Amino acid sequence: MENGERDKERIPVVIVVDIDDDLGEVLGKSLIVGEENIKKAVTEYGVRRPTDPDVNALLAGLNLYARFKEEGRRPVIIAVGGHRTDFLTAQRLIKERVRKALEKVDGKPEFYIVSDGEDEFIISQVLHDIGTIGGFKRVIVEQSLDIEGRYLLILKYLKKAAFDPRFSKYFLGIPGIAIAVFSLLSLIGYAYVAAKATALVIGLAMIARGFNLEEPIEAWIARFVANVRERPHLQLGGLTILLLAVLASAITARQSLALDVSSVMKLAYISRTSIPLLLAGVSIYLLIAGVFYKLVYEVEGILTDVAAIAATIMAAVAFYQLGDYIIEFGVNEFSVSLFVDSGFVQFMISGTGIAAIIEMARRVKERGREGKLVKGEVGGSK
C-alpha cells in the first residue's frame, strides 16, 4: 500500500470514556492505550471496584475492539478519563489525551465511543476535529434484583447524589438554599413571601441549568471569593451596602403592593422607590468593590466599572421619573407616550450612550497602548 493511500485509511479507534476520571483516581493514570494495558486495567480496577459500571464499559470496549480485529481492520483501543468535578475541564482533558494517544496512529481516526453514562454525544462534539465519529455504545448492566438488592441500589445512587460534586449541587445544594430561604423568612413572619421566594430560587436554578449558565456563575463566584479573601474590607463593605439596598427595596415593594390603589399605581410606587433603591445599591457596590478597589490596588478595568455605574444611575433616574409622572398625573394605564413624556426613554438612552462613550474611550486607550508596544518591539528589533 502506498503512503498516500495508507494516510486515507480509516482506523477504528475504540474510546472508553470515563468522564469523572474514576480510572485516574483508582489506577493513578487517566489514559490507557492498547489491548493488553486495557485488560490489565480491567483486572486491577475490577478488583478494587467490582460493582463499578466502568468495569463493564472497559469490557464492552474490548469486545468491540475484538470484533474490529476479526473483520481484518487495524483497530486501536483507548480508555480515557476526564476530571473529577469540572465537566468543562473534563472535556478539554479528554481531547488532549486522545490527541496524545493518536500521535503515532497511521491513518484517519474513526471514533467508536463507549460509555456507561450519557456523555457520548458531548464527547463526540469535542473530538470531531480530530477524526470522524463512527458510532456510540452505551453500556447498561443487566441485573436481577430482589428487594434487598433494589434497596442497596437506591442507597448507592443516593450516596452518589450526596457525595459526587457533579450531582450534589442539584440534589443537595439548590434544595438546601430553597429550604434555608423558606425557613429564614418564615421565622421573621413572612411565610407567604417565603413560599414565593422558594419558588424564585428553584426557578432561577432551573433557568441556570437550562441555559447552561452554571460554569459562568461558578467562575464569577470563584473570582468574588478570591477578591474577598485578598481584600475583604472593600469587597465586604460594598456587599453589605448592596444587601441593605436589596432588603430596603424588597420592603418598600411589599409596602407598595399593600396600598389600596390600582395595579398601575402600585407599579408606579415600586418604580419610584424600590427600583431606584436597588439600582443605587448596585451603583455603590460597583463604586466601592470595583472602582475604589482597582484604584487602590492599581488593577485595570476601571473604565468598564465606571460605564456600568453611569448606565445604572441613569436607569435609576429613568424609573424614578416614570413612577413620579404616573403618581403626579394619575395615569390609569400604560402607553408608549407615557414612557416618552415621563422622560424614561430619554434617560435610558442617555445612560446607554454614556456607557458606550466610556467603553469607546477604554478601547481607544487599549489600542494606543498596544500601538506603543508594537513600536517598541519594532524599534528594539532594529
Protein backbone atom coordinates (compact mmCIF):
# COMPACT_ATOMS: atom_id res chain seq x y z
CA MET A 1 0.00 0.00 0.00
CA GLU A 2 1.36 3.40 -0.99
CA ASN A 3 1.81 6.12 1.59
CA GLY A 4 -0.90 8.37 0.11
CA GLU A 5 -3.46 5.58 0.22
CA ARG A 6 -2.35 4.50 3.68
CA ASP A 7 -2.89 8.01 5.06
CA LYS A 8 -6.50 7.85 3.87
CA GLU A 9 -7.25 4.54 5.60
CA ARG A 10 -9.85 4.78 8.35
CA ILE A 11 -8.55 3.40 11.63
CA PRO A 12 -11.30 2.37 14.10
CA VAL A 13 -10.47 3.88 17.48
CA VAL A 14 -12.47 2.45 20.37
CA ILE A 15 -12.60 5.04 23.17
CA VAL A 16 -13.88 4.04 26.60
CA VAL A 17 -14.86 7.34 28.21
CA ASP A 18 -14.74 7.88 31.97
CA ILE A 19 -15.86 11.49 32.24
CA ASP A 20 -15.37 11.82 36.02
CA ASP A 21 -11.96 10.08 35.89
CA ASP A 22 -12.53 7.18 38.27
CA LEU A 23 -9.71 5.45 36.38
CA GLY A 24 -7.26 8.16 37.36
CA GLU A 25 -8.43 8.08 40.97
CA VAL A 26 -8.07 4.30 41.32
CA LEU A 27 -5.23 3.44 38.92
CA GLY A 28 -3.28 6.68 39.05
CA LYS A 29 -3.43 7.22 35.27
CA SER A 30 -6.16 8.76 33.16
CA LEU A 31 -5.02 7.48 29.75
CA ILE A 32 -4.62 3.78 28.96
CA VAL A 33 -3.69 2.72 25.41
CA GLY A 34 -3.58 -0.76 23.91
CA GLU A 35 -5.38 -4.07 24.34
CA GLU A 36 -3.00 -5.59 26.88
CA ASN A 37 -2.91 -2.44 29.01
CA ILE A 38 -6.71 -2.26 28.98
CA LYS A 39 -7.02 -5.90 30.05
CA LYS A 40 -4.59 -5.28 32.89
CA ALA A 41 -6.55 -2.16 33.90
CA VAL A 42 -9.84 -4.13 33.88
CA THR A 43 -8.40 -6.68 36.30
CA GLU A 44 -6.83 -4.15 38.63
CA TYR A 45 -9.79 -1.77 38.57
CA GLY A 46 -12.31 -4.62 38.89
CA VAL A 47 -10.55 -5.98 41.98
CA ARG A 48 -10.74 -2.59 43.67
CA ARG A 49 -14.24 -1.66 42.49
CA PRO A 50 -16.04 -4.82 41.40
CA THR A 51 -19.51 -3.21 41.21
CA ASP A 52 -18.47 -0.10 39.27
CA PRO A 53 -20.13 0.23 35.81
CA ASP A 54 -16.78 1.43 34.40
CA VAL A 55 -15.60 -2.22 34.54
CA ASN A 56 -18.41 -3.20 32.18
CA ALA A 57 -17.60 -0.25 29.92
CA LEU A 58 -13.98 -1.40 29.63
CA LEU A 59 -15.08 -4.96 28.83
CA ALA A 60 -17.55 -3.67 26.24
CA GLY A 61 -14.71 -1.68 24.66
CA LEU A 62 -12.53 -4.81 24.48
CA ASN A 63 -15.45 -6.70 22.90
CA LEU A 64 -15.85 -4.05 20.21
CA TYR A 65 -12.08 -3.98 19.66
CA ALA A 66 -12.03 -7.79 19.13
CA ARG A 67 -14.86 -7.53 16.62
CA PHE A 68 -12.92 -5.00 14.53
CA LYS A 69 -9.86 -7.28 14.62
CA GLU A 70 -11.96 -10.19 13.36
CA GLU A 71 -13.08 -8.02 10.45
CA GLY A 72 -9.44 -7.63 9.43
CA ARG A 73 -9.14 -3.96 10.36
CA ARG A 74 -6.37 -2.33 12.42
CA PRO A 75 -8.25 -1.03 15.47
CA VAL A 76 -6.89 0.99 18.39
CA ILE A 77 -8.40 0.93 21.88
CA ILE A 78 -8.10 3.74 24.43
CA ALA A 79 -9.52 4.26 27.92
CA VAL A 80 -9.53 7.95 28.82
CA GLY A 81 -10.58 9.84 31.94
CA GLY A 82 -11.71 13.44 32.28
CA HIS A 83 -11.94 15.44 35.50
CA ARG A 84 -13.48 14.62 38.87
CA THR A 85 -15.54 17.79 39.40
CA ASP A 86 -15.27 20.18 36.43
CA PHE A 87 -17.19 19.00 33.35
CA LEU A 88 -15.70 21.67 31.09
CA THR A 89 -12.16 20.77 32.16
CA ALA A 90 -13.02 17.09 31.66
CA GLN A 91 -13.86 17.73 28.01
CA ARG A 92 -10.62 19.61 27.42
CA LEU A 93 -8.50 16.94 29.09
CA ILE A 94 -10.18 14.12 27.17
CA LYS A 95 -9.46 15.89 23.90
CA GLU A 96 -5.81 16.47 24.83
CA ARG A 97 -5.32 12.88 25.98
CA VAL A 98 -6.94 11.36 22.91
CA ARG A 99 -4.84 13.56 20.64
CA LYS A 100 -1.71 12.44 22.52
CA ALA A 101 -2.69 8.76 22.26
CA LEU A 102 -3.14 9.02 18.48
CA GLU A 103 0.14 10.77 17.70
CA LYS A 104 1.63 7.60 16.16
CA VAL A 105 -1.55 6.29 14.51
CA ASP A 106 -1.03 5.98 10.75
CA GLY A 107 -4.41 6.73 9.24
CA LYS A 108 -7.58 8.73 9.76
CA PRO A 109 -9.20 8.00 13.16
CA GLU A 110 -12.80 6.82 13.20
CA PHE A 111 -14.05 7.02 16.78
CA TYR A 112 -16.36 4.49 18.43
CA ILE A 113 -17.25 5.92 21.82
CA VAL A 114 -18.13 3.54 24.68
CA SER A 115 -19.57 4.88 27.94
CA ASP A 116 -21.74 3.87 30.86
CA GLY A 117 -23.34 7.33 31.06
CA GLU A 118 -24.99 9.87 28.78
CA ASP A 119 -21.93 11.86 27.72
CA GLU A 120 -21.22 10.20 24.37
CA PHE A 121 -22.72 12.93 22.21
CA ILE A 122 -20.90 15.73 24.04
CA ILE A 123 -17.57 13.90 23.75
CA SER A 124 -18.21 13.32 20.05
CA GLN A 125 -18.53 17.10 19.56
CA VAL A 126 -15.24 17.60 21.39
CA LEU A 127 -13.41 15.05 19.22
CA HIS A 128 -14.92 15.83 15.82
CA ASP A 129 -11.94 17.93 14.67
CA ILE A 130 -9.52 15.05 15.42
CA GLY A 131 -11.39 12.38 13.47
CA THR A 132 -14.79 11.18 12.31
CA ILE A 133 -17.40 9.61 14.58
CA GLY A 134 -18.19 6.02 13.69
CA GLY A 135 -20.71 5.23 16.41
CA PHE A 136 -21.68 5.08 20.06
CA LYS A 137 -22.12 2.23 22.51
CA ARG A 138 -23.79 2.83 25.84
CA VAL A 139 -23.23 0.10 28.40
CA ILE A 140 -26.24 -0.78 30.55
CA VAL A 141 -25.60 -3.52 33.11
CA GLU A 142 -28.32 -6.18 33.22
CA GLN A 143 -29.27 -7.13 36.77
CA SER A 144 -31.86 -9.23 38.52
CA LEU A 145 -32.57 -7.63 41.87
CA ASP A 146 -34.60 -8.81 44.80
CA ILE A 147 -35.99 -6.34 47.37
CA GLU A 148 -32.71 -6.15 49.25
CA GLY A 149 -30.76 -5.61 46.02
CA ARG A 150 -33.04 -2.77 44.97
CA TYR A 151 -32.64 -1.20 48.39
CA LEU A 152 -28.85 -1.35 48.08
CA LEU A 153 -29.00 0.09 44.56
CA ILE A 154 -31.10 3.02 45.78
CA LEU A 155 -28.62 3.62 48.59
CA LYS A 156 -25.77 3.58 46.08
CA TYR A 157 -27.36 6.28 43.93
CA LEU A 158 -28.31 8.34 46.98
CA LYS A 159 -24.67 8.22 48.04
CA LYS A 160 -23.63 9.30 44.55
CA ALA A 161 -26.10 12.19 44.68
CA ALA A 162 -24.75 13.26 48.08
CA PHE A 163 -21.00 12.97 47.52
CA ASP A 164 -20.42 13.29 43.77
CA PRO A 165 -19.83 17.05 43.12
CA ARG A 166 -21.48 16.83 39.70
CA PHE A 167 -24.82 15.77 41.23
CA SER A 168 -24.72 17.01 44.84
CA LYS A 169 -25.26 20.65 43.85
CA TYR A 170 -28.62 19.70 42.26
CA PHE A 171 -29.79 17.18 44.87
CA LEU A 172 -28.48 19.00 47.95
CA GLY A 173 -27.21 22.49 47.10
CA ILE A 174 -30.24 24.02 45.36
CA PRO A 175 -32.88 22.36 47.59
CA GLY A 176 -30.77 23.38 50.60
CA ILE A 177 -30.80 27.04 49.53
CA ALA A 178 -34.56 26.91 48.91
CA ILE A 179 -35.24 25.36 52.34
CA ALA A 180 -32.93 27.85 54.08
CA VAL A 181 -34.67 30.83 52.41
CA PHE A 182 -38.10 29.45 53.29
CA SER A 183 -37.14 28.80 56.92
CA LEU A 184 -35.47 32.19 57.39
CA LEU A 185 -38.41 34.18 56.03
CA SER A 186 -40.88 32.04 57.99
CA LEU A 187 -39.01 32.76 61.25
CA ILE A 188 -39.45 36.51 60.79
CA GLY A 189 -43.16 36.18 59.96
CA TYR A 190 -43.15 36.18 56.16
CA ALA A 191 -44.41 32.65 55.48
CA TYR A 192 -46.41 33.74 52.41
CA VAL A 193 -43.41 35.57 50.98
CA ALA A 194 -41.23 32.58 51.87
CA ALA A 195 -43.17 30.30 49.54
CA LYS A 196 -42.72 32.74 46.66
CA ALA A 197 -39.05 33.26 47.44
CA THR A 198 -38.50 29.49 47.47
CA ALA A 199 -40.22 29.16 44.10
CA LEU A 200 -38.00 32.00 42.82
CA VAL A 201 -34.81 30.23 43.95
CA ILE A 202 -35.89 26.97 42.30
CA GLY A 203 -36.92 28.82 39.14
CA LEU A 204 -33.60 30.66 38.87
CA ALA A 205 -31.75 27.36 39.38
CA MET A 206 -33.78 25.76 36.58
CA ILE A 207 -33.01 28.71 34.28
CA ALA A 208 -29.29 28.46 35.06
CA ARG A 209 -29.31 24.73 34.33
CA GLY A 210 -31.49 25.03 31.24
CA PHE A 211 -29.29 27.67 29.62
CA ASN A 212 -26.03 26.08 30.83
CA LEU A 213 -25.11 29.10 32.99
CA GLU A 214 -23.61 27.15 35.90
CA GLU A 215 -20.00 27.46 34.75
CA PRO A 216 -20.05 31.28 34.22
CA ILE A 217 -21.84 31.70 37.56
CA GLU A 218 -19.38 29.41 39.34
CA ALA A 219 -16.46 31.28 37.74
CA TRP A 220 -17.89 34.62 38.93
CA ILE A 221 -18.41 33.27 42.45
CA ALA A 222 -14.85 31.92 42.49
CA ARG A 223 -13.47 35.32 41.44
CA PHE A 224 -15.61 37.08 44.04
CA VAL A 225 -14.47 34.74 46.82
CA ALA A 226 -10.84 35.23 45.76
CA ASN A 227 -11.28 39.03 45.88
CA VAL A 228 -12.91 38.85 49.31
CA ARG A 229 -10.05 36.77 50.65
CA GLU A 230 -7.40 39.11 49.26
CA ARG A 231 -9.05 42.49 50.07
CA PRO A 232 -12.03 41.81 52.37
CA HIS A 233 -12.66 45.37 53.62
CA LEU A 234 -13.71 46.87 50.27
CA GLN A 235 -15.47 43.79 48.93
CA LEU A 236 -17.43 43.11 52.13
CA GLY A 237 -18.22 46.79 52.59
CA GLY A 238 -19.69 47.04 49.10
CA LEU A 239 -21.55 43.76 49.51
CA THR A 240 -23.07 44.90 52.83
CA ILE A 241 -24.43 48.06 51.23
CA LEU A 242 -25.78 46.05 48.30
CA LEU A 243 -27.59 43.61 50.62
CA LEU A 244 -29.08 46.51 52.62
CA ALA A 245 -30.29 48.08 49.37
CA VAL A 246 -31.87 44.77 48.30
CA LEU A 247 -33.61 44.48 51.69
CA ALA A 248 -34.84 48.08 51.58
CA SER A 249 -36.05 47.60 48.01
CA ALA A 250 -37.95 44.43 48.96
CA ILE A 251 -39.60 46.11 51.99
CA THR A 252 -40.73 49.17 50.03
CA ALA A 253 -42.01 46.96 47.21
CA ARG A 254 -44.09 44.97 49.69
CA GLN A 255 -45.45 48.19 51.19
CA SER A 256 -46.35 49.47 47.72
CA LEU A 257 -48.17 46.25 46.86
CA ALA A 258 -50.19 46.55 50.09
CA LEU A 259 -51.56 50.01 49.16
CA ASP A 260 -55.26 50.29 48.32
CA VAL A 261 -54.70 51.68 44.82
CA SER A 262 -54.85 50.38 41.27
CA SER A 263 -52.25 47.98 39.87
CA VAL A 264 -50.73 50.74 37.72
CA MET A 265 -50.30 52.98 40.77
CA LYS A 266 -48.70 50.13 42.75
CA LEU A 267 -46.20 49.65 39.93
CA ALA A 268 -45.64 53.41 39.89
CA TYR A 269 -44.71 53.44 43.60
CA ILE A 270 -42.38 50.47 43.04
CA SER A 271 -40.81 52.26 40.08
CA ARG A 272 -40.29 55.46 42.10
CA THR A 273 -38.90 53.84 45.27
CA SER A 274 -37.98 50.16 45.14
CA ILE A 275 -36.21 50.00 41.79
CA PRO A 276 -34.12 53.20 42.32
CA LEU A 277 -33.12 51.91 45.79
CA LEU A 278 -31.95 48.61 44.30
CA LEU A 279 -30.06 50.29 41.44
CA ALA A 280 -28.48 52.75 43.87
CA GLY A 281 -27.19 49.81 45.90
CA VAL A 282 -25.74 48.23 42.76
CA SER A 283 -24.04 51.51 41.83
CA ILE A 284 -22.49 51.92 45.29
CA TYR A 285 -21.31 48.31 45.24
CA LEU A 286 -19.65 48.84 41.84
CA LEU A 287 -18.09 52.06 43.13
CA ILE A 288 -16.64 50.55 46.32
CA ALA A 289 -15.84 46.98 45.24
CA GLY A 290 -14.95 47.94 41.67
CA VAL A 291 -13.63 51.47 41.16
CA PHE A 292 -12.15 52.05 44.64
CA TYR A 293 -10.68 48.55 44.73
CA LYS A 294 -8.99 48.97 41.35
CA LEU A 295 -7.76 52.48 42.15
CA VAL A 296 -6.19 51.42 45.45
CA TYR A 297 -4.56 48.27 44.10
CA GLU A 298 -3.86 49.62 40.57
CA VAL A 299 -5.95 47.00 38.81
CA GLU A 300 -7.02 47.58 35.20
CA GLY A 301 -10.66 47.77 34.10
CA ILE A 302 -11.80 50.88 35.98
CA LEU A 303 -13.47 52.42 32.93
CA THR A 304 -15.67 49.34 32.49
CA ASP A 305 -16.97 49.75 36.05
CA VAL A 306 -17.48 53.49 35.51
CA ALA A 307 -19.53 52.75 32.39
CA ALA A 308 -21.67 50.27 34.34
CA ILE A 309 -22.18 52.79 37.15
CA ALA A 310 -23.24 55.53 34.71
CA ALA A 311 -25.75 53.25 32.99
CA THR A 312 -27.13 52.05 36.34
CA ILE A 313 -27.56 55.57 37.75
CA MET A 314 -29.35 56.76 34.62
CA ALA A 315 -31.63 53.71 34.76
CA ALA A 316 -32.47 54.54 38.39
CA VAL A 317 -33.37 58.11 37.41
CA ALA A 318 -35.44 56.81 34.48
CA PHE A 319 -37.52 54.53 36.71
CA TYR A 320 -37.95 57.30 39.31
CA GLN A 321 -39.17 59.72 36.64
CA LEU A 322 -41.61 57.15 35.28
CA GLY A 323 -43.12 56.40 38.70
CA ASP A 324 -43.26 60.06 39.69
CA TYR A 325 -45.00 61.01 36.43
CA ILE A 326 -47.68 58.33 36.90
CA ILE A 327 -48.33 59.34 40.53
CA GLU A 328 -48.45 63.07 39.74
CA PHE A 329 -50.80 62.83 36.76
CA GLY A 330 -52.86 59.84 37.94
CA VAL A 331 -52.28 57.66 34.89
CA ASN A 332 -54.51 54.56 34.85
CA GLU A 333 -52.86 52.56 32.05
CA PHE A 334 -49.52 52.22 30.34
CA SER A 335 -48.86 53.55 26.85
CA VAL A 336 -45.88 54.28 24.61
CA SER A 337 -46.33 58.04 25.05
CA LEU A 338 -46.18 57.61 28.83
CA PHE A 339 -42.58 56.35 28.66
CA VAL A 340 -41.63 59.24 26.40
CA ASP A 341 -43.46 62.01 28.30
CA SER A 342 -42.06 60.89 31.65
CA GLY A 343 -38.51 61.02 30.30
CA PHE A 344 -37.97 57.28 30.88
CA VAL A 345 -36.79 56.57 27.33
CA GLN A 346 -34.57 59.66 27.22
CA PHE A 347 -32.75 58.77 30.46
CA MET A 348 -32.29 55.14 29.42
CA ILE A 349 -30.84 56.18 26.07
CA SER A 350 -28.61 58.73 27.78
CA GLY A 351 -27.28 56.12 30.19
CA THR A 352 -26.58 53.68 27.37
CA GLY A 353 -24.88 56.41 25.36
CA ILE A 354 -22.66 57.50 28.26
CA ALA A 355 -21.66 53.90 28.90
CA ALA A 356 -20.88 53.41 25.21
CA ILE A 357 -18.71 56.55 25.11
CA ILE A 358 -16.75 55.40 28.17
CA GLU A 359 -16.26 51.96 26.63
CA MET A 360 -15.06 53.56 23.39
CA ALA A 361 -12.57 55.62 25.38
CA ARG A 362 -11.32 52.45 27.03
CA ARG A 363 -10.89 50.71 23.68
CA VAL A 364 -9.02 53.70 22.24
CA LYS A 365 -6.74 53.72 25.27
CA GLU A 366 -6.03 49.99 24.92
CA ARG A 367 -5.29 50.31 21.20
CA GLY A 368 -2.94 53.22 21.89
CA ARG A 369 -1.10 51.13 24.45
CA GLU A 370 -0.89 48.17 22.02
CA GLY A 371 0.45 50.51 19.32
CA LYS A 372 3.20 51.76 21.64
CA LEU A 373 4.16 48.20 22.50
CA VAL A 374 4.36 47.25 18.83
CA LYS A 375 6.51 50.29 18.03
CA GLY A 376 8.75 49.48 20.97
CA GLU A 377 9.21 45.91 19.75
CA VAL A 378 9.95 47.09 16.20
CA GLY A 379 12.42 49.67 17.47
CA GLY A 380 14.09 47.07 19.69
CA SER A 381 14.39 44.61 16.80
CA LYS A 382 16.15 47.21 14.73
